[in-house]
Amino acid sequence: MWIWFLAAAVLGYAVSRVALGYPRPTRRFDSLLRSEVTFLAAAAEATFPAGGELPPSGLEADVPGYTDQLLMASHPRMRLLIHLLFFLVEHATLFFPAPGRRGWRRFSALDADQRAAVLEGWRTSRLFSRRLVFASLRAILTMGYFAFPTVLRQLGLAPYEIRIPICEADLWYPRIGASRSSLRLSRADLTPPSDGTPIPLDAPLHPAYRKDAR
């Protein structure tokens, strides 16, 4: 009989660890689970902490939002692998606990120093498989962080606003992936071609990357 009680206790703990206690996201995500949003926020904050070389922290850079869009655009098999990657790092502290008190808690429940130590353990592990997992996670976090408009402005890499001339071909060929029924231009919409003048360094940025955009 005690075996059934033990099994029930283990099952209850597994359910509470995997599914319970995660806060509700403040907005809708199409691909990420509630637990994954929390995990990504914690991992981004540990990887790009406040007070770093660039002003936005990983938490401020909306890495979960970028990752949600990345998953939507990914192949289903790749999407599954990314979900499994997040689950692995979130719960691998059962086998590779963080230093300090209660280091076996799931990754997102650890304090900032413990999360940084856990990621450092993945990075410097003697096991190639652990280092590979870390490299995969870091790639996603880095792409999300450096896609944030504020970060690109700080690096001087935010794209300029480029007004593309409308030429004859635009009257006949739709945008990539669109049907011919999407064509709405006429000869009255044609504009003169560019005169080849280089874009000045102080030219306006693309609207999505201006300071008042986000």
N, C-alpha and C. Protein backbone atom coordinates (compact mmCIF):
# COMPACT_ATOMS: atom_id res chain seq x y z
N MET A 1 0.82 -1.22 0.00
CA MET A 1 0.00 0.00 0.00
C MET A 1 0.86 1.27 0.00
N TRP A 2 1.99 1.19 0.75
CA TRP A 2 2.83 2.38 0.84
C TRP A 2 3.41 2.77 -0.51
N ILE A 3 3.53 1.78 -1.41
CA ILE A 3 4.05 2.09 -2.75
C ILE A 3 3.08 3.01 -3.50
N TRP A 4 1.78 2.79 -3.31
CA TRP A 4 0.80 3.63 -3.98
C TRP A 4 0.83 5.05 -3.43
N PHE A 5 1.02 5.15 -2.11
CA PHE A 5 1.13 6.49 -1.52
C PHE A 5 2.38 7.21 -2.04
N LEU A 6 3.47 6.46 -2.15
CA LEU A 6 4.70 7.05 -2.67
C LEU A 6 4.53 7.49 -4.12
N ALA A 7 3.88 6.62 -4.92
CA ALA A 7 3.66 6.97 -6.33
C ALA A 7 2.77 8.20 -6.45
N ALA A 8 1.73 8.27 -5.60
CA ALA A 8 0.84 9.43 -5.64
C ALA A 8 1.58 10.70 -5.24
N ALA A 9 2.47 10.60 -4.25
CA ALA A 9 3.25 11.77 -3.82
C ALA A 9 4.18 12.25 -4.92
N VAL A 10 4.83 11.28 -5.57
CA VAL A 10 5.75 11.63 -6.66
C VAL A 10 4.98 12.28 -7.81
N LEU A 11 3.83 11.70 -8.15
CA LEU A 11 3.02 12.27 -9.22
C LEU A 11 2.53 13.67 -8.87
N GLY A 12 2.10 13.85 -7.62
CA GLY A 12 1.64 15.17 -7.21
C GLY A 12 2.74 16.20 -7.28
N TYR A 13 3.95 15.80 -6.86
CA TYR A 13 5.07 16.74 -6.93
C TYR A 13 5.40 17.07 -8.39
N ALA A 14 5.38 16.06 -9.26
CA ALA A 14 5.70 16.29 -10.67
C ALA A 14 4.70 17.26 -11.30
N VAL A 15 3.43 17.07 -11.00
CA VAL A 15 2.41 17.95 -11.57
C VAL A 15 2.58 19.37 -11.06
N SER A 16 2.83 19.52 -9.75
CA SER A 16 2.99 20.86 -9.19
C SER A 16 4.24 21.55 -9.73
N ARG A 17 5.30 20.79 -9.95
CA ARG A 17 6.54 21.38 -10.45
C ARG A 17 6.40 21.81 -11.90
N VAL A 18 5.73 20.99 -12.69
CA VAL A 18 5.66 21.25 -14.14
C VAL A 18 4.56 22.24 -14.50
N ALA A 19 3.44 22.20 -13.78
CA ALA A 19 2.27 22.94 -14.25
C ALA A 19 1.77 24.04 -13.33
N LEU A 20 2.12 24.03 -12.06
CA LEU A 20 1.52 24.96 -11.12
C LEU A 20 2.49 26.08 -10.73
N GLY A 21 1.90 27.20 -10.33
CA GLY A 21 2.70 28.28 -9.77
C GLY A 21 3.25 29.28 -10.76
N TYR A 22 2.97 29.12 -12.03
CA TYR A 22 3.46 30.06 -13.03
C TYR A 22 2.48 31.22 -13.16
N PRO A 23 2.96 32.45 -13.15
CA PRO A 23 2.04 33.60 -13.27
C PRO A 23 1.42 33.68 -14.66
N ARG A 24 0.25 34.25 -14.72
CA ARG A 24 -0.43 34.44 -16.01
C ARG A 24 0.26 35.57 -16.78
N PRO A 25 0.61 35.34 -18.05
CA PRO A 25 1.24 36.40 -18.85
C PRO A 25 0.33 37.63 -18.98
N THR A 26 0.94 38.77 -19.11
CA THR A 26 0.18 40.01 -19.22
C THR A 26 -0.40 40.22 -20.61
N ARG A 27 0.00 39.39 -21.56
CA ARG A 27 -0.56 39.48 -22.91
C ARG A 27 -0.62 38.08 -23.51
N ARG A 28 -1.21 37.98 -24.68
CA ARG A 28 -1.43 36.68 -25.32
C ARG A 28 -0.18 36.24 -26.08
N PHE A 29 0.15 34.95 -25.96
CA PHE A 29 1.22 34.35 -26.74
C PHE A 29 0.62 33.21 -27.56
N ASP A 30 1.05 33.11 -28.80
CA ASP A 30 0.46 32.13 -29.71
C ASP A 30 1.11 30.75 -29.59
N SER A 31 2.40 30.69 -29.28
CA SER A 31 3.11 29.40 -29.25
C SER A 31 3.65 29.03 -27.88
N LEU A 32 4.01 30.01 -27.09
CA LEU A 32 4.63 29.75 -25.79
C LEU A 32 3.60 29.40 -24.73
N LEU A 33 3.92 28.41 -23.92
CA LEU A 33 3.12 28.10 -22.75
C LEU A 33 3.41 29.10 -21.64
N ARG A 34 2.53 29.15 -20.66
CA ARG A 34 2.73 30.06 -19.54
C ARG A 34 4.06 29.78 -18.85
N SER A 35 4.39 28.52 -18.68
CA SER A 35 5.66 28.16 -18.04
C SER A 35 6.85 28.60 -18.87
N GLU A 36 6.72 28.54 -20.19
CA GLU A 36 7.84 28.92 -21.05
C GLU A 36 8.06 30.42 -21.05
N VAL A 37 7.00 31.19 -20.96
CA VAL A 37 7.14 32.65 -20.87
C VAL A 37 7.92 33.00 -19.60
N THR A 38 7.57 32.36 -18.49
CA THR A 38 8.27 32.61 -17.23
C THR A 38 9.72 32.18 -17.31
N PHE A 39 9.96 31.01 -17.90
CA PHE A 39 11.33 30.52 -18.03
C PHE A 39 12.18 31.45 -18.88
N LEU A 40 11.66 31.87 -20.02
CA LEU A 40 12.44 32.73 -20.92
C LEU A 40 12.74 34.08 -20.27
N ALA A 41 11.79 34.63 -19.53
CA ALA A 41 12.05 35.89 -18.83
C ALA A 41 13.17 35.72 -17.82
N ALA A 42 13.16 34.60 -17.08
CA ALA A 42 14.19 34.34 -16.09
C ALA A 42 15.55 34.10 -16.74
N ALA A 43 15.57 33.34 -17.83
CA ALA A 43 16.83 33.06 -18.52
C ALA A 43 17.40 34.31 -19.18
N ALA A 44 16.53 35.14 -19.76
CA ALA A 44 17.00 36.38 -20.39
C ALA A 44 17.56 37.34 -19.36
N GLU A 45 16.93 37.41 -18.20
CA GLU A 45 17.41 38.30 -17.15
C GLU A 45 18.75 37.82 -16.61
N ALA A 46 18.95 36.50 -16.53
CA ALA A 46 20.23 35.97 -16.05
C ALA A 46 21.34 36.16 -17.09
N THR A 47 20.99 36.09 -18.36
CA THR A 47 21.98 36.23 -19.42
C THR A 47 22.34 37.68 -19.70
N PHE A 48 21.35 38.56 -19.64
CA PHE A 48 21.57 40.00 -19.87
C PHE A 48 21.00 40.77 -18.68
N PRO A 49 21.72 40.77 -17.56
CA PRO A 49 21.19 41.41 -16.34
C PRO A 49 21.16 42.92 -16.45
N ALA A 50 20.36 43.53 -15.62
CA ALA A 50 20.31 44.99 -15.57
C ALA A 50 21.67 45.54 -15.14
N GLY A 51 22.04 46.70 -15.70
CA GLY A 51 23.32 47.30 -15.39
C GLY A 51 24.46 46.76 -16.22
N GLY A 52 24.15 46.06 -17.31
CA GLY A 52 25.19 45.52 -18.17
C GLY A 52 25.74 46.57 -19.12
N GLU A 53 26.43 46.10 -20.14
CA GLU A 53 27.06 47.01 -21.10
C GLU A 53 26.03 47.84 -21.85
N LEU A 54 24.86 47.28 -22.11
CA LEU A 54 23.79 48.00 -22.78
C LEU A 54 22.65 48.21 -21.79
N PRO A 55 21.98 49.35 -21.84
CA PRO A 55 20.95 49.68 -20.85
C PRO A 55 19.80 48.68 -20.76
N PRO A 56 19.20 48.19 -21.83
CA PRO A 56 18.06 47.28 -21.64
C PRO A 56 18.54 45.95 -21.06
N SER A 57 17.87 45.47 -20.05
CA SER A 57 18.14 44.13 -19.54
C SER A 57 17.45 43.12 -20.43
N GLY A 58 17.77 41.86 -20.25
CA GLY A 58 17.10 40.82 -21.01
C GLY A 58 15.62 40.78 -20.74
N LEU A 59 15.24 41.14 -19.50
CA LEU A 59 13.83 41.16 -19.14
C LEU A 59 13.10 42.28 -19.86
N GLU A 60 13.76 43.42 -20.03
CA GLU A 60 13.16 44.57 -20.71
C GLU A 60 13.11 44.39 -22.22
N ALA A 61 13.94 43.50 -22.75
CA ALA A 61 14.06 43.35 -24.20
C ALA A 61 12.99 42.45 -24.80
N ASP A 62 12.05 41.97 -24.00
CA ASP A 62 10.93 41.17 -24.49
C ASP A 62 11.40 39.96 -25.29
N VAL A 63 12.32 39.21 -24.71
CA VAL A 63 12.79 37.98 -25.35
C VAL A 63 11.65 36.98 -25.54
N PRO A 64 10.73 36.82 -24.58
CA PRO A 64 9.61 35.90 -24.83
C PRO A 64 8.78 36.28 -26.06
N GLY A 65 8.55 37.58 -26.26
CA GLY A 65 7.78 38.00 -27.43
C GLY A 65 8.47 37.64 -28.74
N TYR A 66 9.78 37.84 -28.79
CA TYR A 66 10.54 37.47 -29.99
C TYR A 66 10.48 35.96 -30.21
N THR A 67 10.67 35.20 -29.12
CA THR A 67 10.68 33.74 -29.25
C THR A 67 9.34 33.21 -29.70
N ASP A 68 8.26 33.84 -29.26
CA ASP A 68 6.93 33.42 -29.69
C ASP A 68 6.79 33.58 -31.20
N GLN A 69 7.27 34.69 -31.74
CA GLN A 69 7.23 34.89 -33.19
C GLN A 69 8.14 33.91 -33.91
N LEU A 70 9.30 33.63 -33.31
CA LEU A 70 10.23 32.67 -33.91
C LEU A 70 9.60 31.29 -34.01
N LEU A 71 8.91 30.87 -32.97
CA LEU A 71 8.26 29.57 -32.99
C LEU A 71 7.15 29.52 -34.03
N MET A 72 6.40 30.60 -34.17
CA MET A 72 5.33 30.64 -35.16
C MET A 72 5.88 30.45 -36.58
N ALA A 73 7.09 30.93 -36.81
CA ALA A 73 7.68 30.85 -38.15
C ALA A 73 8.52 29.60 -38.36
N SER A 74 8.67 28.77 -37.33
CA SER A 74 9.54 27.60 -37.41
C SER A 74 8.81 26.38 -37.94
N HIS A 75 9.58 25.45 -38.47
CA HIS A 75 9.04 24.16 -38.89
C HIS A 75 8.53 23.41 -37.65
N PRO A 76 7.46 22.64 -37.77
CA PRO A 76 6.91 21.94 -36.60
C PRO A 76 7.93 21.11 -35.83
N ARG A 77 8.83 20.43 -36.53
CA ARG A 77 9.84 19.62 -35.84
C ARG A 77 10.78 20.50 -35.04
N MET A 78 11.21 21.61 -35.64
CA MET A 78 12.08 22.54 -34.92
C MET A 78 11.35 23.16 -33.74
N ARG A 79 10.06 23.45 -33.92
CA ARG A 79 9.26 24.02 -32.85
C ARG A 79 9.22 23.06 -31.65
N LEU A 80 9.04 21.77 -31.93
CA LEU A 80 9.00 20.77 -30.86
C LEU A 80 10.34 20.71 -30.13
N LEU A 81 11.43 20.75 -30.87
CA LEU A 81 12.76 20.69 -30.25
C LEU A 81 13.00 21.89 -29.35
N ILE A 82 12.54 23.05 -29.76
CA ILE A 82 12.72 24.25 -28.94
C ILE A 82 11.89 24.15 -27.66
N HIS A 83 10.67 23.65 -27.77
CA HIS A 83 9.86 23.45 -26.57
C HIS A 83 10.55 22.48 -25.60
N LEU A 84 11.12 21.40 -26.12
CA LEU A 84 11.81 20.43 -25.28
C LEU A 84 13.06 21.03 -24.66
N LEU A 85 13.74 21.91 -25.41
CA LEU A 85 14.91 22.60 -24.86
C LEU A 85 14.55 23.42 -23.64
N PHE A 86 13.48 24.18 -23.72
CA PHE A 86 13.05 25.00 -22.59
C PHE A 86 12.68 24.14 -21.39
N PHE A 87 11.97 23.05 -21.66
CA PHE A 87 11.55 22.15 -20.57
C PHE A 87 12.77 21.53 -19.90
N LEU A 88 13.76 21.14 -20.68
CA LEU A 88 14.96 20.51 -20.14
C LEU A 88 15.71 21.44 -19.20
N VAL A 89 15.99 22.64 -19.64
CA VAL A 89 16.76 23.56 -18.81
C VAL A 89 15.95 23.99 -17.58
N GLU A 90 14.65 24.14 -17.74
CA GLU A 90 13.81 24.55 -16.62
C GLU A 90 13.84 23.52 -15.49
N HIS A 91 13.86 22.23 -15.83
CA HIS A 91 13.71 21.21 -14.81
C HIS A 91 14.96 20.36 -14.58
N ALA A 92 16.04 20.64 -15.30
CA ALA A 92 17.26 19.87 -15.11
C ALA A 92 17.93 20.15 -13.77
N THR A 93 17.47 21.15 -13.04
CA THR A 93 18.02 21.42 -11.71
C THR A 93 17.75 20.27 -10.74
N LEU A 94 16.85 19.37 -11.08
CA LEU A 94 16.67 18.16 -10.27
C LEU A 94 17.92 17.29 -10.29
N PHE A 95 18.68 17.35 -11.40
CA PHE A 95 19.88 16.54 -11.55
C PHE A 95 21.15 17.38 -11.46
N PHE A 96 21.06 18.65 -11.82
CA PHE A 96 22.20 19.56 -11.73
C PHE A 96 21.75 20.79 -10.92
N PRO A 97 21.62 20.64 -9.61
CA PRO A 97 21.05 21.72 -8.79
C PRO A 97 21.94 22.94 -8.75
N ALA A 98 21.32 24.07 -8.51
CA ALA A 98 22.05 25.33 -8.34
C ALA A 98 22.71 25.34 -6.97
N PRO A 99 23.78 26.08 -6.80
CA PRO A 99 24.38 26.18 -5.47
C PRO A 99 23.47 26.94 -4.51
N GLY A 100 23.61 26.65 -3.23
CA GLY A 100 22.81 27.37 -2.25
C GLY A 100 21.56 26.62 -1.86
N ARG A 101 20.75 27.30 -1.11
CA ARG A 101 19.55 26.71 -0.52
C ARG A 101 18.50 26.43 -1.59
N ARG A 102 17.92 25.27 -1.53
CA ARG A 102 16.85 24.84 -2.43
C ARG A 102 17.23 24.99 -3.91
N GLY A 103 18.43 24.61 -4.21
CA GLY A 103 18.92 24.72 -5.58
C GLY A 103 18.28 23.75 -6.55
N TRP A 104 17.48 22.80 -6.04
CA TRP A 104 16.82 21.84 -6.90
C TRP A 104 15.51 22.38 -7.49
N ARG A 105 15.09 23.59 -7.05
CA ARG A 105 13.86 24.16 -7.60
C ARG A 105 13.99 24.38 -9.10
N ARG A 106 12.85 24.48 -9.79
CA ARG A 106 12.91 24.73 -11.22
C ARG A 106 13.65 26.04 -11.49
N PHE A 107 14.24 26.14 -12.66
CA PHE A 107 15.14 27.25 -12.99
C PHE A 107 14.50 28.61 -12.75
N SER A 108 13.28 28.79 -13.19
CA SER A 108 12.63 30.10 -13.09
C SER A 108 12.30 30.48 -11.65
N ALA A 109 12.34 29.51 -10.73
CA ALA A 109 12.04 29.81 -9.32
C ALA A 109 13.29 30.14 -8.51
N LEU A 110 14.47 30.00 -9.12
CA LEU A 110 15.72 30.31 -8.44
C LEU A 110 15.93 31.81 -8.38
N ASP A 111 16.82 32.25 -7.47
CA ASP A 111 17.14 33.68 -7.44
C ASP A 111 18.14 33.99 -8.55
N ALA A 112 18.45 35.27 -8.74
CA ALA A 112 19.26 35.70 -9.88
C ALA A 112 20.65 35.06 -9.87
N ASP A 113 21.30 35.03 -8.70
CA ASP A 113 22.64 34.45 -8.63
C ASP A 113 22.62 32.96 -8.93
N GLN A 114 21.62 32.27 -8.45
CA GLN A 114 21.52 30.84 -8.71
C GLN A 114 21.27 30.57 -10.19
N ARG A 115 20.43 31.37 -10.83
CA ARG A 115 20.19 31.17 -12.26
C ARG A 115 21.46 31.39 -13.06
N ALA A 116 22.22 32.42 -12.71
CA ALA A 116 23.48 32.67 -13.41
C ALA A 116 24.45 31.50 -13.21
N ALA A 117 24.48 30.94 -12.00
CA ALA A 117 25.36 29.80 -11.72
C ALA A 117 24.94 28.57 -12.50
N VAL A 118 23.64 28.36 -12.62
CA VAL A 118 23.14 27.21 -13.39
C VAL A 118 23.56 27.32 -14.85
N LEU A 119 23.37 28.49 -15.44
CA LEU A 119 23.75 28.66 -16.84
C LEU A 119 25.26 28.53 -17.02
N GLU A 120 26.03 29.01 -16.06
CA GLU A 120 27.48 28.86 -16.14
C GLU A 120 27.86 27.38 -16.06
N GLY A 121 27.12 26.62 -15.27
CA GLY A 121 27.37 25.18 -15.21
C GLY A 121 27.12 24.49 -16.53
N TRP A 122 26.06 24.89 -17.21
CA TRP A 122 25.80 24.35 -18.55
C TRP A 122 26.92 24.76 -19.51
N ARG A 123 27.36 25.99 -19.43
CA ARG A 123 28.36 26.50 -20.37
C ARG A 123 29.70 25.82 -20.21
N THR A 124 30.11 25.54 -19.00
CA THR A 124 31.45 25.03 -18.73
C THR A 124 31.47 23.53 -18.45
N SER A 125 30.36 22.85 -18.63
CA SER A 125 30.29 21.43 -18.32
C SER A 125 31.29 20.62 -19.15
N ARG A 126 31.78 19.54 -18.56
CA ARG A 126 32.66 18.65 -19.30
C ARG A 126 31.90 17.76 -20.28
N LEU A 127 30.59 17.75 -20.14
CA LEU A 127 29.75 16.99 -21.05
C LEU A 127 29.41 17.84 -22.28
N PHE A 128 29.76 17.33 -23.44
CA PHE A 128 29.48 18.09 -24.66
C PHE A 128 27.99 18.33 -24.84
N SER A 129 27.17 17.35 -24.46
CA SER A 129 25.72 17.49 -24.64
C SER A 129 25.18 18.67 -23.83
N ARG A 130 25.70 18.88 -22.63
CA ARG A 130 25.25 20.02 -21.82
C ARG A 130 25.70 21.33 -22.44
N ARG A 131 26.93 21.38 -22.93
CA ARG A 131 27.41 22.60 -23.57
C ARG A 131 26.61 22.90 -24.83
N LEU A 132 26.20 21.86 -25.55
CA LEU A 132 25.38 22.04 -26.75
C LEU A 132 24.01 22.59 -26.40
N VAL A 133 23.43 22.10 -25.31
CA VAL A 133 22.14 22.63 -24.86
C VAL A 133 22.27 24.10 -24.52
N PHE A 134 23.34 24.45 -23.81
CA PHE A 134 23.55 25.86 -23.46
C PHE A 134 23.70 26.73 -24.71
N ALA A 135 24.49 26.25 -25.67
CA ALA A 135 24.70 27.03 -26.90
C ALA A 135 23.38 27.24 -27.64
N SER A 136 22.52 26.25 -27.64
CA SER A 136 21.22 26.38 -28.31
C SER A 136 20.35 27.41 -27.61
N LEU A 137 20.31 27.35 -26.29
CA LEU A 137 19.51 28.31 -25.53
C LEU A 137 20.07 29.71 -25.68
N ARG A 138 21.39 29.83 -25.58
CA ARG A 138 22.01 31.16 -25.70
C ARG A 138 21.75 31.77 -27.07
N ALA A 139 21.73 30.96 -28.12
CA ALA A 139 21.46 31.48 -29.46
C ALA A 139 20.08 32.12 -29.52
N ILE A 140 19.08 31.46 -28.94
CA ILE A 140 17.72 32.00 -28.96
C ILE A 140 17.64 33.27 -28.14
N LEU A 141 18.23 33.26 -26.94
CA LEU A 141 18.21 34.45 -26.09
C LEU A 141 18.93 35.62 -26.74
N THR A 142 20.06 35.33 -27.39
CA THR A 142 20.84 36.40 -28.02
C THR A 142 20.10 36.99 -29.21
N MET A 143 19.49 36.14 -30.02
CA MET A 143 18.72 36.66 -31.16
C MET A 143 17.58 37.55 -30.68
N GLY A 144 16.90 37.11 -29.62
CA GLY A 144 15.81 37.91 -29.09
C GLY A 144 16.27 39.23 -28.52
N TYR A 145 17.39 39.21 -27.82
CA TYR A 145 17.89 40.44 -27.19
C TYR A 145 18.34 41.45 -28.24
N PHE A 146 19.08 40.99 -29.23
CA PHE A 146 19.62 41.91 -30.23
C PHE A 146 18.62 42.25 -31.32
N ALA A 147 17.42 41.70 -31.25
CA ALA A 147 16.35 42.14 -32.15
C ALA A 147 15.54 43.26 -31.54
N PHE A 148 15.79 43.57 -30.27
CA PHE A 148 15.00 44.61 -29.59
C PHE A 148 15.42 45.98 -30.09
N PRO A 149 14.46 46.85 -30.47
CA PRO A 149 14.80 48.15 -31.06
C PRO A 149 15.75 48.99 -30.24
N THR A 150 15.58 49.03 -28.91
CA THR A 150 16.46 49.85 -28.07
C THR A 150 17.90 49.37 -28.15
N VAL A 151 18.10 48.05 -28.16
CA VAL A 151 19.45 47.50 -28.26
C VAL A 151 20.08 47.87 -29.59
N LEU A 152 19.31 47.76 -30.68
CA LEU A 152 19.84 48.10 -32.00
C LEU A 152 20.17 49.59 -32.09
N ARG A 153 19.35 50.44 -31.44
CA ARG A 153 19.68 51.87 -31.44
C ARG A 153 20.97 52.13 -30.68
N GLN A 154 21.15 51.45 -29.56
CA GLN A 154 22.36 51.63 -28.77
C GLN A 154 23.61 51.21 -29.54
N LEU A 155 23.46 50.20 -30.38
CA LEU A 155 24.59 49.71 -31.18
C LEU A 155 24.75 50.46 -32.50
N GLY A 156 23.81 51.34 -32.81
CA GLY A 156 23.86 52.06 -34.08
C GLY A 156 23.51 51.18 -35.27
N LEU A 157 22.72 50.15 -35.02
CA LEU A 157 22.37 49.20 -36.08
C LEU A 157 20.89 49.23 -36.45
N ALA A 158 20.14 50.13 -35.86
CA ALA A 158 18.71 50.22 -36.20
C ALA A 158 18.57 50.65 -37.66
N PRO A 159 17.68 50.02 -38.42
CA PRO A 159 17.55 50.34 -39.85
C PRO A 159 16.93 51.72 -40.07
N TYR A 160 17.36 52.34 -41.15
CA TYR A 160 16.80 53.64 -41.53
C TYR A 160 15.44 53.46 -42.20
N GLU A 161 14.70 54.54 -42.23
CA GLU A 161 13.46 54.55 -43.00
C GLU A 161 13.82 54.79 -44.46
N ILE A 162 13.54 53.80 -45.29
CA ILE A 162 13.90 53.87 -46.71
C ILE A 162 12.62 53.90 -47.53
N ARG A 163 12.44 54.95 -48.24
CA ARG A 163 11.27 55.07 -49.11
C ARG A 163 11.59 54.43 -50.46
N ILE A 164 10.95 53.32 -50.73
CA ILE A 164 11.23 52.55 -51.95
C ILE A 164 10.39 53.09 -53.10
N PRO A 165 11.02 53.47 -54.21
CA PRO A 165 10.26 53.98 -55.36
C PRO A 165 9.31 52.92 -55.90
N ILE A 166 8.21 53.36 -56.43
CA ILE A 166 7.25 52.45 -57.07
C ILE A 166 7.52 52.48 -58.58
N CYS A 167 7.88 51.32 -59.12
CA CYS A 167 8.24 51.24 -60.54
C CYS A 167 7.20 50.44 -61.31
N GLU A 168 7.43 50.32 -62.61
CA GLU A 168 6.48 49.61 -63.48
C GLU A 168 6.24 48.17 -63.02
N ALA A 169 7.29 47.50 -62.54
CA ALA A 169 7.16 46.10 -62.14
C ALA A 169 6.18 45.94 -60.98
N ASP A 170 6.09 46.96 -60.13
CA ASP A 170 5.19 46.86 -58.99
C ASP A 170 3.72 46.83 -59.41
N LEU A 171 3.44 47.30 -60.65
CA LEU A 171 2.07 47.27 -61.14
C LEU A 171 1.66 45.87 -61.62
N TRP A 172 2.69 45.03 -61.87
CA TRP A 172 2.41 43.73 -62.49
C TRP A 172 2.67 42.54 -61.57
N TYR A 173 3.59 42.71 -60.63
CA TYR A 173 4.00 41.57 -59.80
C TYR A 173 3.69 41.86 -58.33
N PRO A 174 2.98 40.96 -57.67
CA PRO A 174 2.66 41.17 -56.24
C PRO A 174 3.89 40.91 -55.37
N ARG A 175 3.78 41.25 -54.11
CA ARG A 175 4.85 40.95 -53.16
C ARG A 175 5.00 39.44 -53.00
N ILE A 176 6.17 39.02 -52.58
CA ILE A 176 6.45 37.59 -52.41
C ILE A 176 5.42 36.96 -51.48
N GLY A 177 4.81 35.88 -51.95
CA GLY A 177 3.83 35.18 -51.14
C GLY A 177 2.41 35.68 -51.30
N ALA A 178 2.22 36.81 -51.97
CA ALA A 178 0.87 37.37 -52.15
C ALA A 178 0.33 37.01 -53.53
N SER A 179 -0.97 37.09 -53.68
CA SER A 179 -1.61 36.78 -54.96
C SER A 179 -1.73 38.03 -55.82
N ARG A 180 -2.02 37.84 -57.10
CA ARG A 180 -2.17 39.00 -57.99
C ARG A 180 -3.37 39.87 -57.60
N SER A 181 -4.33 39.27 -56.91
CA SER A 181 -5.49 40.05 -56.48
C SER A 181 -5.12 41.11 -55.44
N SER A 182 -3.91 40.99 -54.87
CA SER A 182 -3.48 41.97 -53.86
C SER A 182 -2.96 43.25 -54.49
N LEU A 183 -2.76 43.24 -55.81
CA LEU A 183 -2.24 44.43 -56.49
C LEU A 183 -3.29 45.55 -56.46
N ARG A 184 -2.91 46.70 -55.97
CA ARG A 184 -3.83 47.83 -55.87
C ARG A 184 -3.24 49.10 -56.49
N LEU A 185 -2.06 48.97 -57.11
CA LEU A 185 -1.38 50.14 -57.64
C LEU A 185 -1.79 50.41 -59.09
N SER A 186 -1.69 51.68 -59.47
CA SER A 186 -1.95 52.08 -60.86
C SER A 186 -0.81 52.98 -61.32
N ARG A 187 -0.85 53.40 -62.56
CA ARG A 187 0.22 54.26 -63.08
C ARG A 187 0.28 55.59 -62.33
N ALA A 188 -0.81 55.99 -61.76
CA ALA A 188 -0.79 57.24 -60.98
C ALA A 188 0.07 57.12 -59.72
N ASP A 189 0.38 55.89 -59.30
CA ASP A 189 1.18 55.68 -58.09
C ASP A 189 2.68 55.63 -58.37
N LEU A 190 3.08 55.63 -59.62
CA LEU A 190 4.50 55.55 -59.96
C LEU A 190 5.24 56.76 -59.40
N THR A 191 6.47 56.52 -58.94
CA THR A 191 7.31 57.60 -58.40
C THR A 191 8.65 57.61 -59.13
N PRO A 192 9.35 58.73 -59.12
CA PRO A 192 10.65 58.78 -59.78
C PRO A 192 11.64 57.83 -59.10
N PRO A 193 12.56 57.27 -59.86
CA PRO A 193 13.56 56.38 -59.27
C PRO A 193 14.51 57.16 -58.35
N SER A 194 15.19 56.44 -57.50
CA SER A 194 16.17 57.08 -56.61
C SER A 194 17.28 57.72 -57.42
N ASP A 195 17.78 58.87 -56.95
CA ASP A 195 18.87 59.54 -57.67
C ASP A 195 20.24 59.05 -57.21
N GLY A 196 20.25 58.03 -56.32
CA GLY A 196 21.52 57.45 -55.89
C GLY A 196 22.19 58.17 -54.75
N THR A 197 21.56 59.18 -54.17
CA THR A 197 22.18 59.89 -53.05
C THR A 197 22.23 58.98 -51.82
N PRO A 198 23.41 58.81 -51.20
CA PRO A 198 23.51 57.94 -50.03
C PRO A 198 22.64 58.45 -48.87
N ILE A 199 22.17 57.54 -48.06
CA ILE A 199 21.38 57.91 -46.88
C ILE A 199 22.29 58.55 -45.85
N PRO A 200 21.99 59.75 -45.36
CA PRO A 200 22.86 60.39 -44.36
C PRO A 200 22.78 59.66 -43.02
N LEU A 201 23.82 59.81 -42.21
CA LEU A 201 23.88 59.12 -40.92
C LEU A 201 22.81 59.58 -39.95
N ASP A 202 22.32 60.81 -40.15
CA ASP A 202 21.28 61.33 -39.24
C ASP A 202 19.89 61.20 -39.84
N ALA A 203 19.74 60.32 -40.82
CA ALA A 203 18.43 60.12 -41.45
C ALA A 203 17.47 59.49 -40.45
N PRO A 204 16.16 59.70 -40.63
CA PRO A 204 15.18 59.11 -39.71
C PRO A 204 15.27 57.58 -39.72
N LEU A 205 15.06 56.99 -38.54
CA LEU A 205 15.04 55.54 -38.44
C LEU A 205 13.70 54.99 -38.90
N HIS A 206 13.68 53.71 -39.19
CA HIS A 206 12.43 53.03 -39.51
C HIS A 206 11.45 53.25 -38.36
N PRO A 207 10.18 53.49 -38.64
CA PRO A 207 9.22 53.80 -37.57
C PRO A 207 9.21 52.80 -36.43
N ALA A 208 9.45 51.52 -36.71
CA ALA A 208 9.40 50.51 -35.65
C ALA A 208 10.60 50.57 -34.73
N TYR A 209 11.64 51.34 -35.09
CA TYR A 209 12.86 51.39 -34.29
C TYR A 209 13.12 52.76 -33.68
N ARG A 210 12.18 53.69 -33.82
CA ARG A 210 12.36 55.00 -33.22
C ARG A 210 12.13 54.93 -31.72
N LYS A 211 12.59 55.95 -31.02
CA LYS A 211 12.51 55.94 -29.56
C LYS A 211 11.08 55.92 -29.05
N ASP A 212 10.17 56.50 -29.82
CA ASP A 212 8.78 56.55 -29.37
C ASP A 212 7.98 55.34 -29.82
N ALA A 213 8.67 54.34 -30.45
CA ALA A 213 7.94 53.18 -30.97
C ALA A 213 7.61 52.20 -29.86
N ARG A 214 8.49 52.07 -28.85
CA ARG A 214 8.28 51.06 -27.81
C ARG A 214 8.63 51.65 -26.46
